[in-house]
Amino acid sequence: MGIIRFGSRVKGYSHESSDEDILVITRSKGGEVIYKEGKHILVVSLQDFIEEVLKASPLVSAVLSGYEIIYAKYPVYFWIERASEMLRRAGSIHVDKGGVRDFA
């Protein structure tokens, strides 16, 4: 249903040893974290992703602070837009090694 790159490589402050962060949103299977050949892959179900969006969780904040959609079908686009809007309305910020992202 969706594949999203996020993290330092997308935001432009990666270094040689940085891994590539990838979020995979599936129709039903999820709850898996895979480390493979310099990739950090989080696999979540659409339902779990929706719950994270509604909680405005740190995962959603981390992904939306700098991301690239590689592939996504309808519901994934809808929930990414909804999450972005919720973070903007809440005046949320995300802080990481690359700096501060103000969603407002």
Protein backbone atom coordinates (compact mmCIF):
# COMPACT_ATOMS: atom_id res chain seq x y z
CA MET A 1 0.00 0.00 0.00
CA GLY A 2 2.86 2.41 0.68
CA ILE A 3 6.64 2.78 0.77
CA ILE A 4 8.08 5.97 2.26
CA ARG A 5 11.73 6.96 2.68
CA PHE A 6 12.49 9.27 5.59
CA GLY A 7 15.32 10.28 7.89
CA SER A 8 18.72 11.84 7.42
CA ARG A 9 19.28 10.64 3.85
CA VAL A 10 16.09 12.32 2.66
CA LYS A 11 16.65 15.43 4.78
CA GLY A 12 20.18 15.86 3.43
CA TYR A 13 22.32 15.55 6.54
CA SER A 14 23.37 11.92 6.33
CA HIS A 15 26.93 10.76 6.70
CA GLU A 16 28.77 7.73 5.36
CA SER A 17 27.52 5.37 8.08
CA SER A 18 23.89 6.58 8.04
CA ASP A 19 21.33 3.91 7.38
CA GLU A 20 18.39 4.40 5.05
CA ASP A 21 15.04 4.64 6.87
CA ILE A 22 12.07 3.12 5.09
CA LEU A 23 8.45 2.84 6.24
CA VAL A 24 6.42 0.09 4.56
CA ILE A 25 2.65 0.30 5.07
CA THR A 26 0.82 -2.95 4.34
CA ARG A 27 -2.83 -3.83 4.08
CA SER A 28 -2.81 -6.19 7.06
CA LYS A 29 0.60 -7.46 8.22
CA GLY A 30 2.81 -5.27 10.36
CA GLY A 31 4.80 -4.85 13.52
CA GLU A 32 8.15 -5.80 12.06
CA VAL A 33 11.49 -4.01 12.09
CA ILE A 34 14.14 -5.21 9.62
CA TYR A 35 17.80 -4.18 9.54
CA LYS A 36 19.38 -5.27 6.30
CA GLU A 37 22.40 -4.02 4.37
CA GLY A 38 22.31 -0.44 5.66
CA LYS A 39 18.53 -0.22 5.62
CA HIS A 40 16.24 0.25 8.61
CA ILE A 41 12.81 -0.94 7.44
CA LEU A 42 9.71 -0.48 9.58
CA VAL A 43 6.72 -2.54 8.48
CA VAL A 44 3.33 -1.44 9.82
CA SER A 45 -0.23 -2.25 8.88
CA LEU A 46 -2.47 0.52 7.54
CA GLN A 47 -4.56 0.24 10.72
CA ASP A 48 -1.48 0.72 12.92
CA PHE A 49 -0.37 3.67 10.78
CA ILE A 50 -3.80 5.29 11.13
CA GLU A 51 -3.63 4.83 14.92
CA GLU A 52 -0.17 6.45 14.96
CA VAL A 53 -1.52 9.37 12.90
CA LEU A 54 -4.47 9.89 15.25
CA LYS A 55 -2.08 9.92 18.25
CA ALA A 56 0.33 12.27 16.41
CA SER A 57 3.03 9.85 17.52
CA PRO A 58 6.79 10.47 17.38
CA LEU A 59 6.97 7.99 14.48
CA VAL A 60 4.61 10.11 12.40
CA SER A 61 6.48 13.28 13.35
CA ALA A 62 9.82 11.69 12.39
CA VAL A 63 8.51 10.50 9.03
CA LEU A 64 6.77 13.76 8.12
CA SER A 65 9.71 15.94 9.14
CA GLY A 66 11.34 14.89 5.87
CA TYR A 67 10.08 12.15 3.57
CA GLU A 68 9.83 10.90 0.01
CA ILE A 69 6.91 8.77 -1.12
CA ILE A 70 8.26 5.97 -3.29
CA TYR A 71 4.91 4.25 -3.76
CA ALA A 72 1.47 4.79 -2.24
CA LYS A 73 -2.13 3.91 -2.97
CA TYR A 74 -5.14 6.05 -2.02
CA PRO A 75 -5.58 5.48 1.72
CA VAL A 76 -1.90 6.06 2.43
CA TYR A 77 -1.91 9.46 0.66
CA PHE A 78 -5.06 10.45 2.56
CA TRP A 79 -3.56 9.60 5.98
CA ILE A 80 -0.24 11.30 5.23
CA GLU A 81 -2.11 14.49 4.33
CA ARG A 82 -4.30 14.17 7.41
CA ALA A 83 -1.26 13.67 9.65
CA SER A 84 0.50 16.69 8.12
CA GLU A 85 -2.57 18.83 8.73
CA MET A 86 -2.93 17.61 12.34
CA LEU A 87 0.73 18.41 13.07
CA ARG A 88 0.33 21.89 11.52
CA ARG A 89 -2.80 22.64 13.56
CA ALA A 90 -1.13 21.49 16.76
CA GLY A 91 1.90 23.66 16.05
CA SER A 92 4.09 20.59 16.48
CA ILE A 93 7.83 20.57 16.07
CA HIS A 94 10.24 17.71 15.44
CA VAL A 95 13.79 17.85 16.75
CA ASP A 96 16.57 15.56 15.56
CA LYS A 97 20.28 15.68 14.70
CA GLY A 98 19.51 17.69 11.57
CA GLY A 99 17.76 20.48 13.42
CA VAL A 100 14.22 21.52 14.17
CA ARG A 101 11.22 21.12 11.86
CA ASP A 102 8.31 23.41 12.67
CA PHE A 103 5.07 22.04 11.20
CA ALA A 104 3.12 25.26 11.85
